[in-house]
């Protein structure tokens, strides 16, 4: 049986039967996307790697409970978001510094706009509230429609829409110094 020809749903069935090769194929297909979501959500590469491993460990353990009525990516995103939120909350309880504590920067000189603008966007996204950041990352960068963001997060579609509206307003405010 050639695994690359199997659908994601078929791979999960094989994983539930204990076939590690199927898990390897699923990891190969989705590891990058899961890592990117975890990294953009937490802002920490090492933590994102740990979360990515945990996501696929949970897939291995819970493959038998997966129901193919939702896309596999929705299930993977939901696991990733939940692990990210747990990690963020745990770090806050420990009193670790978060990106919210970073002071806003003054506008750089015009010649530095291009090089600094990418860093500024990343910092502005990281400074959003957890919920705004997750909604924005799933919708804008993950390409998920509102309904799928709602399914992944467990929030209503109207809540997701409201979070996105506030996230974009916050980004516009924080990045206003970069407008020409």
C-alpha atoms as a PDB file:
ATOM      1  CA  UNK A   1       0.000   0.000   0.000  1.00  0.00           C
ATOM      2  CA  UNK A   2       1.431   3.380  -1.027  1.00  0.00           C
ATOM      3  CA  UNK A   3       0.703   5.869   1.721  1.00  0.00           C
ATOM      4  CA  UNK A   4       1.125   9.072  -0.338  1.00  0.00           C
ATOM      5  CA  UNK A   5      -1.928   7.983  -2.354  1.00  0.00           C
ATOM      6  CA  UNK A   6      -4.088   7.678   0.763  1.00  0.00           C
ATOM      7  CA  UNK A   7      -6.335  10.540   1.813  1.00  0.00           C
ATOM      8  CA  UNK A   8      -5.792  12.176   5.188  1.00  0.00           C
ATOM      9  CA  UNK A   9      -8.893  10.453   6.520  1.00  0.00           C
ATOM     10  CA  UNK A  10      -7.623   7.057   5.342  1.00  0.00           C
ATOM     11  CA  UNK A  11      -4.302   7.738   7.049  1.00  0.00           C
ATOM     12  CA  UNK A  12      -6.065   8.459  10.347  1.00  0.00           C
ATOM     13  CA  UNK A  13      -7.908   5.136  10.070  1.00  0.00           C
ATOM     14  CA  UNK A  14      -4.558   3.392   9.513  1.00  0.00           C
ATOM     15  CA  UNK A  15      -3.064   5.275  12.471  1.00  0.00           C
ATOM     16  CA  UNK A  16      -5.953   4.078  14.643  1.00  0.00           C
ATOM     17  CA  UNK A  17      -5.026   0.542  13.570  1.00  0.00           C
ATOM     18  CA  UNK A  18      -1.479   1.168  14.821  1.00  0.00           C
ATOM     19  CA  UNK A  19       0.335   1.763  11.523  1.00  0.00           C
ATOM     20  CA  UNK A  20       3.222   4.086  12.333  1.00  0.00           C
ATOM     21  CA  UNK A  21       4.034   4.592   8.641  1.00  0.00           C
ATOM     22  CA  UNK A  22       0.663   6.304   8.268  1.00  0.00           C
ATOM     23  CA  UNK A  23       1.520   8.671  11.111  1.00  0.00           C
ATOM     24  CA  UNK A  24       4.840   9.439   9.419  1.00  0.00           C
ATOM     25  CA  UNK A  25       3.035  10.332   6.202  1.00  0.00           C
ATOM     26  CA  UNK A  26       0.527  12.518   8.057  1.00  0.00           C
ATOM     27  CA  UNK A  27       3.368  14.307   9.849  1.00  0.00           C
ATOM     28  CA  UNK A  28       5.159  14.834   6.516  1.00  0.00           C
ATOM     29  CA  UNK A  29       2.021  16.410   5.040  1.00  0.00           C
ATOM     30  CA  UNK A  30       1.023  18.663   7.935  1.00  0.00           C
ATOM     31  CA  UNK A  31       4.011  19.262  10.223  1.00  0.00           C
ATOM     32  CA  UNK A  32       5.029  22.543   8.618  1.00  0.00           C
ATOM     33  CA  UNK A  33       1.546  24.031   8.829  1.00  0.00           C
ATOM     34  CA  UNK A  34       1.071  22.933  12.448  1.00  0.00           C
ATOM     35  CA  UNK A  35       4.483  24.343  13.392  1.00  0.00           C
ATOM     36  CA  UNK A  36       3.769  27.674  11.672  1.00  0.00           C
ATOM     37  CA  UNK A  37       0.470  28.059  13.527  1.00  0.00           C
ATOM     38  CA  UNK A  38       2.107  27.159  16.854  1.00  0.00           C
ATOM     39  CA  UNK A  39       5.021  29.523  16.249  1.00  0.00           C
ATOM     40  CA  UNK A  40       2.854  32.435  15.173  1.00  0.00           C
ATOM     41  CA  UNK A  41       0.558  31.880  18.132  1.00  0.00           C
ATOM     42  CA  UNK A  42       3.249  31.548  20.806  1.00  0.00           C
ATOM     43  CA  UNK A  43       6.088  33.568  19.246  1.00  0.00           C
ATOM     44  CA  UNK A  44       8.568  30.960  20.523  1.00  0.00           C
ATOM     45  CA  UNK A  45      10.315  28.538  18.132  1.00  0.00           C
ATOM     46  CA  UNK A  46      11.279  25.992  20.768  1.00  0.00           C
ATOM     47  CA  UNK A  47       7.810  25.952  22.262  1.00  0.00           C
ATOM     48  CA  UNK A  48       6.293  25.652  18.771  1.00  0.00           C
ATOM     49  CA  UNK A  49       8.453  22.578  18.106  1.00  0.00           C
ATOM     50  CA  UNK A  50       7.287  20.987  21.370  1.00  0.00           C
ATOM     51  CA  UNK A  51       3.655  21.788  20.590  1.00  0.00           C
ATOM     52  CA  UNK A  52       4.017  20.337  17.080  1.00  0.00           C
ATOM     53  CA  UNK A  53       5.316  17.073  18.529  1.00  0.00           C
ATOM     54  CA  UNK A  54       2.494  17.039  21.074  1.00  0.00           C
ATOM     55  CA  UNK A  55      -0.091  17.572  18.334  1.00  0.00           C
ATOM     56  CA  UNK A  56       1.001  14.470  16.454  1.00  0.00           C
ATOM     57  CA  UNK A  57       1.339  12.488  19.671  1.00  0.00           C
ATOM     58  CA  UNK A  58      -2.311  13.346  20.375  1.00  0.00           C
ATOM     59  CA  UNK A  59      -3.244  12.329  16.833  1.00  0.00           C
ATOM     60  CA  UNK A  60      -1.559   8.967  17.478  1.00  0.00           C
ATOM     61  CA  UNK A  61      -3.364   8.503  20.782  1.00  0.00           C
ATOM     62  CA  UNK A  62      -6.776   9.763  19.632  1.00  0.00           C
ATOM     63  CA  UNK A  63      -6.953   8.607  16.012  1.00  0.00           C
ATOM     64  CA  UNK A  64      -9.717   6.175  16.918  1.00  0.00           C
ATOM     65  CA  UNK A  65     -11.951   9.004  18.107  1.00  0.00           C
ATOM     66  CA  UNK A  66     -11.519  11.141  14.960  1.00  0.00           C
ATOM     67  CA  UNK A  67     -14.767  11.508  13.027  1.00  0.00           C
ATOM     68  CA  UNK A  68     -14.340  12.406   9.370  1.00  0.00           C
ATOM     69  CA  UNK A  69     -17.320  14.794   9.355  1.00  0.00           C
ATOM     70  CA  UNK A  70     -14.807  17.669   9.726  1.00  0.00           C
ATOM     71  CA  UNK A  71     -11.670  18.222   7.675  1.00  0.00           C
ATOM     72  CA  UNK A  72      -8.553  16.740   9.215  1.00  0.00           C
ATOM     73  CA  UNK A  73      -6.868  20.152   9.107  1.00  0.00           C
ATOM     74  CA  UNK A  74      -9.677  21.526  11.273  1.00  0.00           C
ATOM     75  CA  UNK A  75      -8.975  18.798  13.850  1.00  0.00           C
ATOM     76  CA  UNK A  76      -5.213  19.443  13.693  1.00  0.00           C
ATOM     77  CA  UNK A  77      -5.720  23.197  14.053  1.00  0.00           C
ATOM     78  CA  UNK A  78      -8.029  22.699  17.022  1.00  0.00           C
ATOM     79  CA  UNK A  79      -5.482  20.491  18.792  1.00  0.00           C
ATOM     80  CA  UNK A  80      -2.725  23.018  18.014  1.00  0.00           C
ATOM     81  CA  UNK A  81      -4.726  26.017  19.229  1.00  0.00           C
ATOM     82  CA  UNK A  82      -5.709  24.240  22.450  1.00  0.00           C
ATOM     83  CA  UNK A  83      -2.095  23.284  23.179  1.00  0.00           C
ATOM     84  CA  UNK A  84      -0.938  26.846  22.424  1.00  0.00           C
ATOM     85  CA  UNK A  85      -3.554  28.351  24.719  1.00  0.00           C
ATOM     86  CA  UNK A  86      -2.625  25.914  27.493  1.00  0.00           C
ATOM     87  CA  UNK A  87       1.035  26.818  27.102  1.00  0.00           C
ATOM     88  CA  UNK A  88       0.383  30.567  27.062  1.00  0.00           C
ATOM     89  CA  UNK A  89      -1.759  30.310  30.201  1.00  0.00           C
ATOM     90  CA  UNK A  90       0.875  28.202  31.959  1.00  0.00           C
ATOM     91  CA  UNK A  91       3.579  30.758  31.116  1.00  0.00           C
ATOM     92  CA  UNK A  92       1.407  33.615  32.396  1.00  0.00           C
ATOM     93  CA  UNK A  93       0.880  31.791  35.701  1.00  0.00           C
ATOM     94  CA  UNK A  94       4.652  31.442  36.006  1.00  0.00           C
ATOM     95  CA  UNK A  95       4.964  35.194  35.522  1.00  0.00           C
ATOM     96  CA  UNK A  96       7.115  34.942  32.412  1.00  0.00           C
ATOM     97  CA  UNK A  97       7.393  38.079  30.300  1.00  0.00           C
ATOM     98  CA  UNK A  98       5.009  38.140  27.381  1.00  0.00           C
ATOM     99  CA  UNK A  99       5.109  40.194  24.218  1.00  0.00           C
ATOM    100  CA  UNK A 100       2.336  42.348  25.693  1.00  0.00           C
ATOM    101  CA  UNK A 101       4.967  43.816  28.034  1.00  0.00           C
ATOM    102  CA  UNK A 102       7.064  45.106  25.129  1.00  0.00           C
ATOM    103  CA  UNK A 103       6.702  48.891  24.890  1.00  0.00           C
ATOM    104  CA  UNK A 104       5.532  50.457  21.649  1.00  0.00           C
ATOM    105  CA  UNK A 105       8.341  51.785  19.473  1.00  0.00           C
ATOM    106  CA  UNK A 106       8.753  55.189  17.939  1.00  0.00           C
ATOM    107  CA  UNK A 107       8.614  55.426  14.161  1.00  0.00           C
ATOM    108  CA  UNK A 108      11.948  54.520  12.560  1.00  0.00           C
ATOM    109  CA  UNK A 109      13.673  56.816  10.063  1.00  0.00           C
ATOM    110  CA  UNK A 110      12.189  56.489   6.539  1.00  0.00           C
ATOM    111  CA  UNK A 111      15.164  54.495   5.190  1.00  0.00           C
ATOM    112  CA  UNK A 112      14.524  51.788   7.797  1.00  0.00           C
ATOM    113  CA  UNK A 113      10.810  51.348   7.015  1.00  0.00           C
ATOM    114  CA  UNK A 114      11.242  48.306   4.797  1.00  0.00           C
ATOM    115  CA  UNK A 115      13.566  46.368   7.096  1.00  0.00           C
ATOM    116  CA  UNK A 116      11.696  47.277  10.277  1.00  0.00           C
ATOM    117  CA  UNK A 117       8.174  46.886   8.946  1.00  0.00           C
ATOM    118  CA  UNK A 118       8.278  43.068   8.927  1.00  0.00           C
ATOM    119  CA  UNK A 119       9.480  43.018  12.543  1.00  0.00           C
ATOM    120  CA  UNK A 120       6.836  45.588  13.450  1.00  0.00           C
ATOM    121  CA  UNK A 121       4.038  43.494  11.928  1.00  0.00           C
ATOM    122  CA  UNK A 122       5.250  40.385  13.764  1.00  0.00           C
ATOM    123  CA  UNK A 123       5.464  42.293  17.055  1.00  0.00           C
ATOM    124  CA  UNK A 124       2.035  43.871  16.495  1.00  0.00           C
ATOM    125  CA  UNK A 125       0.444  40.465  15.845  1.00  0.00           C
ATOM    126  CA  UNK A 126       2.149  38.998  18.919  1.00  0.00           C
ATOM    127  CA  UNK A 127       0.855  41.913  21.010  1.00  0.00           C
ATOM    128  CA  UNK A 128      -2.778  41.084  20.178  1.00  0.00           C
ATOM    129  CA  UNK A 129      -4.847  39.288  22.798  1.00  0.00           C
ATOM    130  CA  UNK A 130      -4.709  35.481  22.603  1.00  0.00           C
ATOM    131  CA  UNK A 131      -8.128  35.202  21.040  1.00  0.00           C
ATOM    132  CA  UNK A 132      -7.584  38.001  18.517  1.00  0.00           C
ATOM    133  CA  UNK A 133      -4.194  36.555  17.512  1.00  0.00           C
ATOM    134  CA  UNK A 134      -5.571  33.036  17.061  1.00  0.00           C
ATOM    135  CA  UNK A 135      -8.575  34.226  15.037  1.00  0.00           C
ATOM    136  CA  UNK A 136      -6.314  36.375  12.843  1.00  0.00           C
ATOM    137  CA  UNK A 137      -3.730  33.632  12.285  1.00  0.00           C
ATOM    138  CA  UNK A 138      -6.301  31.006  11.397  1.00  0.00           C
ATOM    139  CA  UNK A 139      -8.313  33.305   9.134  1.00  0.00           C
ATOM    140  CA  UNK A 140      -5.707  35.440   7.434  1.00  0.00           C
ATOM    141  CA  UNK A 141      -2.602  33.283   7.422  1.00  0.00           C
ATOM    142  CA  UNK A 142      -4.230  29.859   7.638  1.00  0.00           C
ATOM    143  CA  UNK A 143      -6.825  30.680   5.009  1.00  0.00           C
ATOM    144  CA  UNK A 144      -9.680  29.306   7.116  1.00  0.00           C
ATOM    145  CA  UNK A 145     -13.148  30.764   6.500  1.00  0.00           C
ATOM    146  CA  UNK A 146     -15.050  32.147   9.509  1.00  0.00           C
ATOM    147  CA  UNK A 147     -17.056  28.941   9.906  1.00  0.00           C
ATOM    148  CA  UNK A 148     -13.890  26.820  10.096  1.00  0.00           C
ATOM    149  CA  UNK A 149     -12.251  29.220  12.571  1.00  0.00           C
ATOM    150  CA  UNK A 150     -15.407  28.856  14.638  1.00  0.00           C
ATOM    151  CA  UNK A 151     -15.205  25.049  14.473  1.00  0.00           C
ATOM    152  CA  UNK A 152     -11.503  25.031  15.399  1.00  0.00           C
ATOM    153  CA  UNK A 153     -11.819  27.403  18.336  1.00  0.00           C
ATOM    154  CA  UNK A 154     -15.299  26.552  19.568  1.00  0.00           C
ATOM    155  CA  UNK A 155     -16.249  30.234  19.394  1.00  0.00           C
ATOM    156  CA  UNK A 156     -19.385  31.419  17.579  1.00  0.00           C
ATOM    157  CA  UNK A 157     -18.993  32.847  14.090  1.00  0.00           C
ATOM    158  CA  UNK A 158     -20.111  36.264  15.347  1.00  0.00           C
ATOM    159  CA  UNK A 159     -17.452  36.122  18.091  1.00  0.00           C
ATOM    160  CA  UNK A 160     -14.804  35.257  15.494  1.00  0.00           C
ATOM    161  CA  UNK A 161     -15.973  38.112  13.284  1.00  0.00           C
ATOM    162  CA  UNK A 162     -15.834  40.522  16.234  1.00  0.00           C
ATOM    163  CA  UNK A 163     -12.351  39.303  17.206  1.00  0.00           C
ATOM    164  CA  UNK A 164     -11.116  39.825  13.646  1.00  0.00           C
ATOM    165  CA  UNK A 165     -12.585  43.334  13.517  1.00  0.00           C
ATOM    166  CA  UNK A 166     -10.832  44.264  16.777  1.00  0.00           C
ATOM    167  CA  UNK A 167      -7.593  42.581  15.699  1.00  0.00           C
ATOM    168  CA  UNK A 168      -7.448  44.562  12.456  1.00  0.00           C
ATOM    169  CA  UNK A 169      -8.259  47.791  14.295  1.00  0.00           C
ATOM    170  CA  UNK A 170      -5.481  47.098  16.814  1.00  0.00           C
ATOM    171  CA  UNK A 171      -3.018  46.333  14.024  1.00  0.00           C
ATOM    172  CA  UNK A 172      -3.929  49.531  12.179  1.00  0.00           C
ATOM    173  CA  UNK A 173      -3.357  51.519  15.368  1.00  0.00           C
ATOM    174  CA  UNK A 174      -0.032  49.866  16.233  1.00  0.00           C
ATOM    175  CA  UNK A 175       1.279  50.088  12.673  1.00  0.00           C
ATOM    176  CA  UNK A 176       0.055  53.637  11.935  1.00  0.00           C
ATOM    177  CA  UNK A 177       3.614  54.965  12.183  1.00  0.00           C
ATOM    178  CA  UNK A 178       4.500  52.912   9.095  1.00  0.00           C
ATOM    179  CA  UNK A 179       1.854  54.467   6.885  1.00  0.00           C
ATOM    180  CA  UNK A 180       3.184  56.921   4.354  1.00  0.00           C
END
